[in-house]
C-alpha atoms as a PDB file:
ATOM      1  CA  MET A   1     -31.063 -70.122 -72.649  1.00  0.00           C
ATOM      2  CA  ILE A   2     -27.975 -72.145 -71.841  1.00  0.00           C
ATOM      3  CA  GLU A   3     -26.036 -68.939 -71.263  1.00  0.00           C
ATOM      4  CA  LEU A   4     -28.767 -67.633 -68.901  1.00  0.00           C
ATOM      5  CA  GLU A   5     -28.810 -70.862 -66.893  1.00  0.00           C
ATOM      6  CA  ARG A   6     -25.033 -70.727 -66.684  1.00  0.00           C
ATOM      7  CA  SER A   7     -25.201 -67.132 -65.370  1.00  0.00           C
ATOM      8  CA  ILE A   8     -27.814 -68.115 -62.761  1.00  0.00           C
ATOM      9  CA  GLU A   9     -25.601 -71.038 -61.721  1.00  0.00           C
ATOM     10  CA  ILE A  10     -22.648 -68.713 -61.189  1.00  0.00           C
ATOM     11  CA  LEU A  11     -24.775 -66.164 -59.294  1.00  0.00           C
ATOM     12  CA  CYS A  12     -26.202 -68.818 -56.945  1.00  0.00           C
ATOM     13  CA  SER A  13     -22.770 -70.255 -56.239  1.00  0.00           C
ATOM     14  CA  LEU A  14     -21.561 -66.813 -55.156  1.00  0.00           C
ATOM     15  CA  TRP A  15     -24.705 -65.489 -53.476  1.00  0.00           C
ATOM     16  CA  GLY A  16     -24.639 -67.603 -50.314  1.00  0.00           C
ATOM     17  CA  LYS A  17     -21.121 -66.578 -49.297  1.00  0.00           C
ATOM     18  CA  SER A  18     -21.304 -62.918 -50.309  1.00  0.00           C
ATOM     19  CA  THR A  19     -21.805 -59.838 -48.161  1.00  0.00           C
ATOM     20  CA  HIS A  20     -24.727 -57.518 -48.758  1.00  0.00           C
ATOM     21  CA  GLN A  21     -22.556 -55.122 -50.734  1.00  0.00           C
ATOM     22  CA  GLU A  22     -21.171 -57.968 -52.823  1.00  0.00           C
ATOM     23  CA  ARG A  23     -24.705 -59.193 -53.534  1.00  0.00           C
ATOM     24  CA  LEU A  24     -25.666 -55.753 -54.818  1.00  0.00           C
ATOM     25  CA  GLU A  25     -22.682 -55.918 -57.172  1.00  0.00           C
ATOM     26  CA  LEU A  26     -23.758 -59.393 -58.364  1.00  0.00           C
ATOM     27  CA  CYS A  27     -27.223 -58.026 -59.132  1.00  0.00           C
ATOM     28  CA  ASN A  28     -25.710 -55.301 -61.298  1.00  0.00           C
ATOM     29  CA  ARG A  29     -23.408 -57.802 -62.973  1.00  0.00           C
ATOM     30  CA  PHE A  30     -26.153 -60.233 -63.940  1.00  0.00           C
ATOM     31  CA  GLY A  31     -28.917 -57.665 -64.504  1.00  0.00           C
ATOM     32  CA  LEU A  32     -31.240 -58.983 -61.788  1.00  0.00           C
ATOM     33  CA  GLY A  33     -33.132 -57.301 -58.961  1.00  0.00           C
ATOM     34  CA  TYR A  34     -32.151 -58.195 -55.403  1.00  0.00           C
ATOM     35  CA  GLU A  35     -35.422 -60.045 -54.618  1.00  0.00           C
ATOM     36  CA  GLU A  36     -35.274 -62.008 -57.875  1.00  0.00           C
ATOM     37  CA  ALA A  37     -31.653 -63.015 -57.227  1.00  0.00           C
ATOM     38  CA  GLN A  38     -32.523 -64.079 -53.676  1.00  0.00           C
ATOM     39  CA  SER A  39     -35.477 -66.101 -55.007  1.00  0.00           C
ATOM     40  CA  ARG A  40     -33.286 -67.829 -57.587  1.00  0.00           C
ATOM     41  CA  TYR A  41     -30.806 -68.752 -54.854  1.00  0.00           C
ATOM     42  CA  GLU A  42     -33.533 -70.146 -52.574  1.00  0.00           C
ATOM     43  CA  GLN A  43     -34.989 -72.201 -55.448  1.00  0.00           C
ATOM     44  CA  LYS A  44     -31.627 -73.769 -56.168  1.00  0.00           C
ATOM     45  CA  TYR A  45     -30.637 -74.244 -52.534  1.00  0.00           C
ATOM     46  CA  PRO A  46     -33.919 -74.559 -50.584  1.00  0.00           C
ATOM     47  CA  LYS A  47     -32.174 -75.917 -47.457  1.00  0.00           C
ATOM     48  CA  GLN A  48     -29.968 -72.829 -47.333  1.00  0.00           C
ATOM     49  CA  LYS A  49     -32.866 -70.384 -47.192  1.00  0.00           C
ATOM     50  CA  PHE A  50     -32.106 -69.262 -43.623  1.00  0.00           C
ATOM     51  CA  LYS A  51     -28.400 -69.951 -43.695  1.00  0.00           C
ATOM     52  CA  ASN A  52     -27.466 -66.361 -42.873  1.00  0.00           C
ATOM     53  CA  THR A  53     -29.960 -66.040 -40.018  1.00  0.00           C
ATOM     54  CA  VAL A  54     -28.076 -67.024 -36.841  1.00  0.00           C
ATOM     55  CA  TYR A  55     -29.891 -67.695 -33.584  1.00  0.00           C
ATOM     56  CA  PRO A  56     -28.139 -68.565 -30.313  1.00  0.00           C
ATOM     57  CA  PRO A  57     -28.668 -72.142 -29.208  1.00  0.00           C
ATOM     58  CA  ASP A  58     -31.179 -72.766 -26.476  1.00  0.00           C
ATOM     59  CA  THR A  59     -29.610 -72.876 -22.986  1.00  0.00           C
ATOM     60  CA  SER A  60     -31.229 -74.501 -19.998  1.00  0.00           C
ATOM     61  CA  TRP A  61     -32.324 -72.525 -16.955  1.00  0.00           C
ATOM     62  CA  GLU A  62     -29.907 -74.560 -14.824  1.00  0.00           C
ATOM     63  CA  LYS A  63     -26.995 -73.678 -17.104  1.00  0.00           C
ATOM     64  CA  GLN A  64     -27.827 -69.960 -17.016  1.00  0.00           C
ATOM     65  CA  ILE A  65     -28.008 -70.035 -13.188  1.00  0.00           C
ATOM     66  CA  GLU A  66     -24.624 -71.757 -13.104  1.00  0.00           C
ATOM     67  CA  ILE A  67     -23.130 -69.119 -15.419  1.00  0.00           C
ATOM     68  CA  ILE A  68     -24.517 -66.143 -13.496  1.00  0.00           C
ATOM     69  CA  LYS A  69     -23.302 -67.591 -10.180  1.00  0.00           C
ATOM     70  CA  GLN A  70     -19.812 -67.948 -11.608  1.00  0.00           C
ATOM     71  CA  MET A  71     -19.890 -64.365 -12.859  1.00  0.00           C
ATOM     72  CA  ASP A  72     -21.128 -63.130  -9.480  1.00  0.00           C
ATOM     73  CA  SER A  73     -18.318 -65.003  -7.764  1.00  0.00           C
ATOM     74  CA  LEU A  74     -15.793 -63.312 -10.043  1.00  0.00           C
ATOM     75  CA  ILE A  75     -17.223 -59.852  -9.330  1.00  0.00           C
ATOM     76  CA  ALA A  76     -17.326 -60.564  -5.584  1.00  0.00           C
ATOM     77  CA  TYR A  77     -13.627 -61.408  -5.686  1.00  0.00           C
ATOM     78  CA  HIS A  78     -12.884 -57.869  -6.868  1.00  0.00           C
ATOM     79  CA  GLN A  79     -15.552 -55.970  -4.914  1.00  0.00           C
ATOM     80  CA  GLY A  80     -16.335 -57.829  -1.697  1.00  0.00           C
ATOM     81  CA  VAL A  81     -14.539 -57.390   1.617  1.00  0.00           C
ATOM     82  CA  PRO A  82     -15.003 -59.212   4.939  1.00  0.00           C
ATOM     83  CA  GLN A  83     -17.686 -57.641   7.122  1.00  0.00           C
ATOM     84  CA  GLU A  84     -15.974 -58.765  10.314  1.00  0.00           C
ATOM     85  CA  ILE A  85     -12.321 -59.378  11.067  1.00  0.00           C
ATOM     86  CA  THR A  86     -10.150 -60.036  14.115  1.00  0.00           C
ATOM     87  CA  VAL A  87      -7.018 -57.990  14.792  1.00  0.00           C
ATOM     88  CA  ASN A  88      -4.659 -59.045  17.566  1.00  0.00           C
ATOM     89  CA  ILE A  89      -2.331 -56.623  19.372  1.00  0.00           C
ATOM     90  CA  LYS A  90       0.060 -58.524  21.605  1.00  0.00           C
ATOM     91  CA  THR A  91       0.835 -56.308  24.567  1.00  0.00           C
ATOM     92  CA  ASP A  92       0.858 -56.246  28.360  1.00  0.00           C
ATOM     93  CA  LYS A  93       0.469 -52.448  28.484  1.00  0.00           C
ATOM     94  CA  PRO A  94      -2.520 -50.206  27.712  1.00  0.00           C
ATOM     95  CA  ILE A  95      -2.684 -48.869  24.177  1.00  0.00           C
ATOM     96  CA  GLY A  96      -4.217 -45.781  22.615  1.00  0.00           C
ATOM     97  CA  LEU A  97      -6.469 -46.097  19.562  1.00  0.00           C
ATOM     98  CA  VAL A  98      -7.063 -42.971  17.474  1.00  0.00           C
ATOM     99  CA  PHE A  99     -10.114 -42.692  15.214  1.00  0.00           C
ATOM    100  CA  THR A 100      -9.334 -40.271  12.421  1.00  0.00           C
ATOM    101  CA  ALA A 101     -11.373 -39.603   9.273  1.00  0.00           C
ATOM    102  CA  ASP A 102     -12.415 -36.998   6.713  1.00  0.00           C
ATOM    103  CA  TRP A 103      -8.930 -35.765   5.958  1.00  0.00           C
ATOM    104  CA  HIS A 104     -10.077 -34.426   2.545  1.00  0.00           C
ATOM    105  CA  ILE A 105      -6.505 -34.053   1.305  1.00  0.00           C
ATOM    106  CA  GLY A 106      -6.467 -31.628  -1.609  1.00  0.00           C
ATOM    107  CA  MET A 107      -9.427 -29.535  -0.492  1.00  0.00           C
ATOM    108  CA  TYR A 108      -9.194 -25.787  -0.158  1.00  0.00           C
ATOM    109  CA  GLY A 109      -9.413 -24.691   3.497  1.00  0.00           C
ATOM    110  CA  LEU A 110      -7.679 -27.680   5.055  1.00  0.00           C
ATOM    111  CA  ASP A 111      -5.623 -27.269   8.226  1.00  0.00           C
ATOM    112  CA  TYR A 112      -2.511 -28.862   6.775  1.00  0.00           C
ATOM    113  CA  ASP A 113      -0.297 -27.723   9.657  1.00  0.00           C
ATOM    114  CA  CYS A 114      -2.455 -29.584  12.144  1.00  0.00           C
ATOM    115  CA  PHE A 115      -2.641 -32.613   9.831  1.00  0.00           C
ATOM    116  CA  GLU A 116       1.137 -32.715   9.598  1.00  0.00           C
ATOM    117  CA  ARG A 117       1.586 -32.470  13.387  1.00  0.00           C
ATOM    118  CA  ASP A 118      -0.997 -35.160  14.100  1.00  0.00           C
ATOM    119  CA  MET A 119       0.398 -37.620  11.574  1.00  0.00           C
ATOM    120  CA  ASN A 120       3.890 -37.172  12.995  1.00  0.00           C
ATOM    121  CA  THR A 121       2.522 -37.724  16.500  1.00  0.00           C
ATOM    122  CA  ILE A 122       0.668 -40.914  15.583  1.00  0.00           C
ATOM    123  CA  GLU A 123       3.758 -42.227  13.808  1.00  0.00           C
ATOM    124  CA  THR A 124       6.159 -41.669  16.692  1.00  0.00           C
ATOM    125  CA  GLU A 125       4.082 -42.036  19.882  1.00  0.00           C
ATOM    126  CA  ASP A 126       4.770 -45.322  21.658  1.00  0.00           C
ATOM    127  CA  GLY A 127       1.676 -47.480  22.179  1.00  0.00           C
ATOM    128  CA  LEU A 128      -0.534 -45.361  19.926  1.00  0.00           C
ATOM    129  CA  HIS A 129      -2.464 -46.987  17.059  1.00  0.00           C
ATOM    130  CA  CYS A 130      -5.073 -45.669  14.644  1.00  0.00           C
ATOM    131  CA  MET A 131      -8.101 -46.565  12.559  1.00  0.00           C
ATOM    132  CA  ILE A 132      -8.373 -44.439   9.427  1.00  0.00           C
ATOM    133  CA  GLY A 133     -11.852 -43.723   8.155  1.00  0.00           C
ATOM    134  CA  GLY A 134     -13.253 -42.458   4.900  1.00  0.00           C
ATOM    135  CA  ASP A 135     -12.798 -39.399   2.709  1.00  0.00           C
ATOM    136  CA  GLY A 136      -9.037 -39.360   2.912  1.00  0.00           C
ATOM    137  CA  ARG A 137      -8.957 -37.470  -0.378  1.00  0.00           C
ATOM    138  CA  GLN A 138     -11.122 -34.612  -1.674  1.00  0.00           C
ATOM    139  CA  ASN A 139     -11.318 -36.329  -5.085  1.00  0.00           C
ATOM    140  CA  MET A 140     -13.843 -33.984  -6.697  1.00  0.00           C
ATOM    141  CA  ILE A 141     -14.367 -35.832  -9.996  1.00  0.00           C
ATOM    142  CA  GLN A 142     -18.156 -35.840 -10.354  1.00  0.00           C
ATOM    143  CA  PRO A 143     -19.482 -33.830 -13.322  1.00  0.00           C
ATOM    144  CA  SER A 144     -22.207 -32.368 -11.085  1.00  0.00           C
ATOM    145  CA  LYS A 145     -19.464 -30.829  -8.917  1.00  0.00           C
ATOM    146  CA  LEU A 146     -17.417 -29.334 -11.726  1.00  0.00           C
ATOM    147  CA  GLY A 147     -16.980 -25.972  -9.977  1.00  0.00           C
ATOM    148  CA  SER A 148     -15.610 -27.547  -6.801  1.00  0.00           C
ATOM    149  CA  SER A 149     -13.182 -29.578  -8.895  1.00  0.00           C
ATOM    150  CA  HIS A 150     -11.366 -26.341  -9.765  1.00  0.00           C
ATOM    151  CA  ASN A 151     -10.808 -25.515  -6.082  1.00  0.00           C
ATOM    152  CA  GLN A 152      -8.604 -28.457  -5.221  1.00  0.00           C
ATOM    153  CA  THR A 153      -5.041 -29.559  -5.730  1.00  0.00           C
ATOM    154  CA  PRO A 154      -4.575 -31.981  -8.663  1.00  0.00           C
ATOM    155  CA  ILE A 155      -5.929 -35.490  -8.089  1.00  0.00           C
ATOM    156  CA  ALA A 156      -2.479 -36.997  -8.642  1.00  0.00           C
ATOM    157  CA  VAL A 157      -1.076 -34.907  -5.772  1.00  0.00           C
ATOM    158  CA  GLN A 158      -3.971 -35.874  -3.497  1.00  0.00           C
ATOM    159  CA  ASN A 159      -3.416 -39.560  -4.220  1.00  0.00           C
ATOM    160  CA  ALA A 160       0.320 -39.250  -3.627  1.00  0.00           C
ATOM    161  CA  VAL A 161      -0.077 -37.577  -0.221  1.00  0.00           C
ATOM    162  CA  TYR A 162      -2.768 -40.088   0.802  1.00  0.00           C
ATOM    163  CA  VAL A 163      -0.667 -43.117  -0.137  1.00  0.00           C
ATOM    164  CA  LEU A 164       2.483 -41.714   1.452  1.00  0.00           C
ATOM    165  CA  THR A 165       0.554 -40.972   4.662  1.00  0.00           C
ATOM    166  CA  LEU A 166      -0.635 -44.584   4.817  1.00  0.00           C
ATOM    167  CA  LYS A 167       2.928 -45.757   4.305  1.00  0.00           C
ATOM    168  CA  LYS A 168       4.138 -43.349   6.981  1.00  0.00           C
ATOM    169  CA  LEU A 169       1.659 -44.777   9.529  1.00  0.00           C
ATOM    170  CA  ILE A 170       1.645 -48.357   8.293  1.00  0.00           C
ATOM    171  CA  SER A 171       2.963 -49.917  11.505  1.00  0.00           C
ATOM    172  CA  LYS A 172       0.280 -48.097  13.528  1.00  0.00           C
ATOM    173  CA  ILE A 173      -2.793 -48.757  11.355  1.00  0.00           C
ATOM    174  CA  ILE A 174      -5.440 -51.220  12.553  1.00  0.00           C
ATOM    175  CA  ALA A 175      -7.767 -50.780   9.570  1.00  0.00           C
ATOM    176  CA  VAL A 176      -8.666 -48.353   6.768  1.00  0.00           C
ATOM    177  CA  GLY A 177     -12.079 -47.498   5.322  1.00  0.00           C
ATOM    178  CA  THR A 178     -13.353 -45.636   2.305  1.00  0.00           C
ATOM    179  CA  GLY A 179     -15.793 -42.727   2.123  1.00  0.00           C
ATOM    180  CA  ASN A 180     -18.131 -41.211  -0.423  1.00  0.00           C
ATOM    181  CA  HIS A 181     -15.385 -38.918  -1.790  1.00  0.00           C
ATOM    182  CA  ASN A 182     -12.912 -41.783  -2.285  1.00  0.00           C
ATOM    183  CA  TYR A 183     -15.658 -43.974  -3.692  1.00  0.00           C
ATOM    184  CA  TRP A 184     -16.625 -41.546  -6.454  1.00  0.00           C
ATOM    185  CA  THR A 185     -13.747 -43.050  -8.432  1.00  0.00           C
ATOM    186  CA  THR A 186     -15.178 -46.542  -7.985  1.00  0.00           C
ATOM    187  CA  LEU A 187     -18.618 -45.345  -9.074  1.00  0.00           C
ATOM    188  CA  ALA A 188     -17.036 -43.848 -12.209  1.00  0.00           C
ATOM    189  CA  ILE A 189     -14.916 -46.811 -13.297  1.00  0.00           C
ATOM    190  CA  GLY A 190     -16.462 -49.804 -11.511  1.00  0.00           C
ATOM    191  CA  GLU A 191     -13.307 -50.879  -9.690  1.00  0.00           C
ATOM    192  CA  ASP A 192     -12.420 -50.141  -6.067  1.00  0.00           C
ATOM    193  CA  TRP A 193      -8.810 -48.989  -6.185  1.00  0.00           C
ATOM    194  CA  ASP A 194      -8.821 -48.248  -2.451  1.00  0.00           C
ATOM    195  CA  LYS A 195      -9.280 -51.975  -1.941  1.00  0.00           C
ATOM    196  CA  GLU A 196      -6.404 -52.714  -4.317  1.00  0.00           C
ATOM    197  CA  LEU A 197      -4.214 -50.171  -2.525  1.00  0.00           C
ATOM    198  CA  MET A 198      -4.859 -51.784   0.865  1.00  0.00           C
ATOM    199  CA  ARG A 199      -4.123 -55.204  -0.614  1.00  0.00           C
ATOM    200  CA  ARG A 200      -0.766 -53.968  -1.853  1.00  0.00           C
ATOM    201  CA  LEU A 201       0.037 -52.331   1.485  1.00  0.00           C
ATOM    202  CA  LYS A 202      -1.265 -55.412   3.376  1.00  0.00           C
ATOM    203  CA  LEU A 203      -3.717 -53.330   5.420  1.00  0.00           C
ATOM    204  CA  VAL A 204      -7.165 -54.344   6.683  1.00  0.00           C
ATOM    205  CA  TYR A 205      -9.842 -52.696   4.519  1.00  0.00           C
ATOM    206  CA  THR A 206     -13.321 -52.152   5.971  1.00  0.00           C
ATOM    207  CA  LYS A 207     -14.711 -50.366   2.868  1.00  0.00           C
ATOM    208  CA  HIS A 208     -17.983 -48.543   3.768  1.00  0.00           C
ATOM    209  CA  GLN A 209     -18.404 -50.220   7.129  1.00  0.00           C
ATOM    210  CA  GLY A 210     -16.970 -53.074   9.101  1.00  0.00           C
ATOM    211  CA  LYS A 211     -16.704 -54.732  12.466  1.00  0.00           C
ATOM    212  CA  ILE A 212     -13.296 -55.234  14.055  1.00  0.00           C
ATOM    213  CA  GLN A 213     -12.834 -57.707  16.882  1.00  0.00           C
ATOM    214  CA  LEU A 214      -9.816 -55.967  18.386  1.00  0.00           C
ATOM    215  CA  LYS A 215      -7.946 -58.154  20.841  1.00  0.00           C
ATOM    216  CA  VAL A 216      -5.658 -56.137  23.104  1.00  0.00           C
ATOM    217  CA  GLY A 217      -3.623 -58.491  25.254  1.00  0.00           C
ATOM    218  CA  LYS A 218      -6.271 -60.775  26.796  1.00  0.00           C
ATOM    219  CA  ILE A 219      -9.322 -58.552  26.207  1.00  0.00           C
ATOM    220  CA  VAL A 220     -11.481 -58.353  23.052  1.00  0.00           C
ATOM    221  CA  TYR A 221     -13.053 -54.989  22.217  1.00  0.00           C
ATOM    222  CA  PRO A 222     -15.607 -55.235  19.355  1.00  0.00           C
ATOM    223  CA  ILE A 223     -15.582 -52.064  17.236  1.00  0.00           C
ATOM    224  CA  LEU A 224     -18.157 -51.013  14.645  1.00  0.00           C
ATOM    225  CA  ARG A 225     -17.028 -48.402  12.128  1.00  0.00           C
ATOM    226  CA  LEU A 226     -19.165 -46.728   9.425  1.00  0.00           C
ATOM    227  CA  HIS A 227     -18.505 -43.773   7.185  1.00  0.00           C
ATOM    228  CA  LYS A 228     -22.123 -42.763   6.582  1.00  0.00           C
ATOM    229  CA  GLY A 229     -24.942 -43.822   8.850  1.00  0.00           C
ATOM    230  CA  ARG A 230     -28.663 -43.474   9.425  1.00  0.00           C
ATOM    231  CA  PHE A 231     -30.580 -42.452  12.557  1.00  0.00           C
ATOM    232  CA  GLY A 232     -28.849 -39.060  12.655  1.00  0.00           C
ATOM    233  CA  SER A 233     -29.748 -36.178  14.945  1.00  0.00           C
ATOM    234  CA  SER A 234     -28.425 -32.629  14.773  1.00  0.00           C
ATOM    235  CA  PHE A 235     -29.126 -32.235  18.499  1.00  0.00           C
ATOM    236  CA  ASN A 236     -27.725 -35.562  19.679  1.00  0.00           C
ATOM    237  CA  LEU A 237     -24.721 -36.404  17.508  1.00  0.00           C
ATOM    238  CA  THR A 238     -24.055 -39.824  19.018  1.00  0.00           C
ATOM    239  CA  HIS A 239     -27.667 -40.959  18.531  1.00  0.00           C
ATOM    240  CA  SER A 240     -26.752 -42.684  15.265  1.00  0.00           C
ATOM    241  CA  CYS A 241     -23.966 -44.690  16.937  1.00  0.00           C
ATOM    242  CA  LYS A 242     -26.188 -45.927  19.741  1.00  0.00           C
ATOM    243  CA  GLN A 243     -29.039 -46.877  17.424  1.00  0.00           C
ATOM    244  CA  TYR A 244     -26.707 -48.991  15.299  1.00  0.00           C
ATOM    245  CA  GLN A 245     -25.550 -50.733  18.430  1.00  0.00           C
ATOM    246  CA  ARG A 246     -29.097 -51.278  19.691  1.00  0.00           C
ATOM    247  CA  LEU A 247     -30.559 -52.475  16.373  1.00  0.00           C
ATOM    248  CA  HIS A 248     -27.680 -54.331  14.745  1.00  0.00           C
ATOM    249  CA  PHE A 249     -24.556 -54.853  16.883  1.00  0.00           C
ATOM    250  CA  PRO A 250     -25.447 -55.102  20.568  1.00  0.00           C
ATOM    251  CA  ASP A 251     -22.046 -56.595  21.436  1.00  0.00           C
ATOM    252  CA  ALA A 252     -20.125 -53.602  20.023  1.00  0.00           C
ATOM    253  CA  ARG A 253     -18.151 -51.656  22.612  1.00  0.00           C
ATOM    254  CA  ILE A 254     -16.995 -48.784  20.413  1.00  0.00           C
ATOM    255  CA  ILE A 255     -19.225 -47.438  17.638  1.00  0.00           C
ATOM    256  CA  VAL A 256     -17.777 -44.906  15.200  1.00  0.00           C
ATOM    257  CA  VAL A 257     -19.690 -42.928  12.568  1.00  0.00           C
ATOM    258  CA  GLU A 258     -17.807 -40.436  10.385  1.00  0.00           C
ATOM    259  CA  HIS A 259     -18.774 -38.099   7.511  1.00  0.00           C
ATOM    260  CA  GLN A 260     -20.451 -35.108   9.186  1.00  0.00           C
ATOM    261  CA  HIS A 261     -17.233 -33.389  10.366  1.00  0.00           C
ATOM    262  CA  VAL A 262     -18.510 -32.406  13.825  1.00  0.00           C
ATOM    263  CA  ALA A 263     -16.844 -34.543  16.469  1.00  0.00           C
ATOM    264  CA  ASP A 264     -18.506 -35.843  19.603  1.00  0.00           C
ATOM    265  CA  MET A 265     -17.977 -38.606  22.093  1.00  0.00           C
ATOM    266  CA  GLU A 266     -20.162 -40.231  24.724  1.00  0.00           C
ATOM    267  CA  SER A 267     -19.326 -42.835  27.335  1.00  0.00           C
ATOM    268  CA  TYR A 268     -22.309 -44.891  28.510  1.00  0.00           C
ATOM    269  CA  ARG A 269     -23.343 -48.315  29.735  1.00  0.00           C
ATOM    270  CA  TYR A 270     -25.180 -50.754  27.472  1.00  0.00           C
ATOM    271  CA  ASN A 271     -25.717 -54.507  27.575  1.00  0.00           C
ATOM    272  CA  GLU A 272     -23.912 -54.645  30.936  1.00  0.00           C
ATOM    273  CA  HIS A 273     -20.733 -53.148  29.493  1.00  0.00           C
ATOM    274  CA  GLU A 274     -19.115 -49.734  29.328  1.00  0.00           C
ATOM    275  CA  CYS A 275     -19.312 -48.456  25.755  1.00  0.00           C
ATOM    276  CA  VAL A 276     -18.201 -45.442  23.746  1.00  0.00           C
ATOM    277  CA  ALA A 277     -20.001 -43.691  20.884  1.00  0.00           C
ATOM    278  CA  ILE A 278     -17.766 -41.604  18.619  1.00  0.00           C
ATOM    279  CA  ARG A 279     -18.321 -39.064  15.854  1.00  0.00           C
ATOM    280  CA  THR A 280     -15.066 -38.055  14.197  1.00  0.00           C
ATOM    281  CA  GLY A 281     -13.983 -34.562  13.184  1.00  0.00           C
ATOM    282  CA  THR A 282     -12.201 -33.294  10.087  1.00  0.00           C
ATOM    283  CA  TYR A 283      -9.218 -31.286   8.911  1.00  0.00           C
ATOM    284  CA  ALA A 284     -11.507 -29.451   6.445  1.00  0.00           C
ATOM    285  CA  VAL A 285     -12.192 -26.531   8.761  1.00  0.00           C
ATOM    286  CA  HIS A 286     -13.042 -24.009   6.015  1.00  0.00           C
ATOM    287  CA  ASP A 287     -15.613 -25.807   3.903  1.00  0.00           C
ATOM    288  CA  ASP A 288     -17.422 -24.040   1.069  1.00  0.00           C
ATOM    289  CA  TYR A 289     -20.050 -26.796   0.926  1.00  0.00           C
ATOM    290  CA  ALA A 290     -20.796 -26.414   4.647  1.00  0.00           C
ATOM    291  CA  GLU A 291     -21.061 -22.655   4.361  1.00  0.00           C
ATOM    292  CA  GLN A 292     -23.428 -22.707   1.387  1.00  0.00           C
ATOM    293  CA  ASN A 293     -25.712 -25.224   3.108  1.00  0.00           C
ATOM    294  CA  GLY A 294     -25.725 -23.669   6.568  1.00  0.00           C
ATOM    295  CA  TYR A 295     -23.646 -26.264   8.427  1.00  0.00           C
ATOM    296  CA  PHE A 296     -21.558 -25.100  11.368  1.00  0.00           C
ATOM    297  CA  GLY A 297     -19.173 -26.681  13.816  1.00  0.00           C
ATOM    298  CA  SER A 298     -16.626 -28.540  11.671  1.00  0.00           C
ATOM    299  CA  HIS A 299     -13.410 -28.877  13.642  1.00  0.00           C
ATOM    300  CA  VAL A 300     -10.260 -30.930  13.949  1.00  0.00           C
ATOM    301  CA  ALA A 301     -10.741 -33.826  16.351  1.00  0.00           C
ATOM    302  CA  ASN A 302      -9.388 -37.362  16.403  1.00  0.00           C
ATOM    303  CA  PRO A 303     -11.207 -39.052  19.299  1.00  0.00           C
ATOM    304  CA  THR A 304      -9.017 -41.575  21.079  1.00  0.00           C
ATOM    305  CA  VAL A 305      -9.664 -44.427  23.497  1.00  0.00           C
ATOM    306  CA  ILE A 306      -7.255 -46.060  25.919  1.00  0.00           C
ATOM    307  CA  LEU A 307      -7.734 -49.844  25.992  1.00  0.00           C
ATOM    308  CA  TYR A 308      -6.384 -52.053  28.768  1.00  0.00           C
ATOM    309  CA  PRO A 309      -4.910 -55.516  28.007  1.00  0.00           C
ATOM    310  CA  ASP A 310      -5.634 -57.369  31.258  1.00  0.00           C
ATOM    311  CA  THR A 311      -8.932 -55.897  32.420  1.00  0.00           C
ATOM    312  CA  ASP A 312     -11.988 -54.789  30.464  1.00  0.00           C
ATOM    313  CA  LYS A 313     -11.556 -51.020  30.591  1.00  0.00           C
ATOM    314  CA  ILE A 314     -12.065 -48.228  28.037  1.00  0.00           C
ATOM    315  CA  VAL A 315     -11.038 -44.657  28.807  1.00  0.00           C
ATOM    316  CA  PRO A 316     -12.212 -42.192  26.104  1.00  0.00           C
ATOM    317  CA  PHE A 317     -10.839 -38.782  25.132  1.00  0.00           C
ATOM    318  CA  LYS A 318     -12.182 -36.480  22.476  1.00  0.00           C
ATOM    319  CA  ASP A 319      -8.783 -34.816  22.163  1.00  0.00           C
ATOM    320  CA  MET A 320      -5.954 -37.075  20.985  1.00  0.00           C
ATOM    321  CA  ASN A 321      -3.274 -35.129  22.833  1.00  0.00           C
ATOM    322  CA  ASP A 322      -5.133 -35.432  26.148  1.00  0.00           C
ATOM    323  CA  ALA A 323      -5.307 -39.174  25.535  1.00  0.00           C
ATOM    324  CA  ILE A 324      -1.562 -39.287  24.908  1.00  0.00           C
ATOM    325  CA  THR A 325      -0.853 -37.575  28.238  1.00  0.00           C
ATOM    326  CA  TYR A 326      -2.951 -40.246  29.984  1.00  0.00           C
ATOM    327  CA  LEU A 327      -1.404 -43.077  27.906  1.00  0.00           C
ATOM    328  CA  ARG A 328       2.120 -42.084  28.876  1.00  0.00           C
ATOM    329  CA  ALA A 329       1.156 -42.121  32.537  1.00  0.00           C
ATOM    330  CA  VAL A 330      -0.429 -45.597  32.491  1.00  0.00           C
ATOM    331  CA  ARG A 331       2.285 -47.184  30.355  1.00  0.00           C
END
């Protein structure tokens, strides 16, 4: 009897700090079933019955709200961008502002010769600036588009050309945006590396959409830029631009919507001011996606506006080179 009590004493002293596997070994060692051994332990140490059952401590509603707000603030630091920003160009001469988007670097069927000429022109032309929109890279990384991913140059090459193009034009860039192709990477990994790239290059980043208060000399020209928009019409391409102005940004003077690859431009009067609606073109002139879905009309076009510094005046051109001819004359 004394020997049995001594064995139970030893088992109970070990039971509470043992793992499940170790407890099974103790049962074999002392010739007891698991439930009997557990019962013996609970009889000897009744206050330790639930020792191994761990519950989180109760937290107040106020504390949880405080925690989630702090977490949201941390996420916003990495994901959020200003929705409106002011850019100041100090000049006493008219400037040209090129709106270029949907480069799709890396895609099969791109007009790389035209892309190269245009980038060289923007870099070297006096008084010419640019806003770069979304879909700078083809970036076919989605599993649902596996076939298209084979018909592109490697992602590393696309990224290199895109970054080097931004560096090439860095003194001319007003702002840069992302597009659905660029953003597929963010959707895959949860971090917007386009935003980080612009931070490193010290460029204004408008992400999906943004409003730029562009001050040229003494005159402020509010610009709204979006990659993808609603209110679209296949018969009236600038309808989306004008509806955004009417419903959301009545003080905008230039409204730009990208993404659909068919360029258009319309000059009109709204809210007692002359305004311009712009749809940008693309360098992806041979597009397998467009062909399989019955879309026509994709063409290279970087619509450009001439902005005056001392009088409120916007002169639009659908063709960048026509705008440059005019810009040289007025400068």
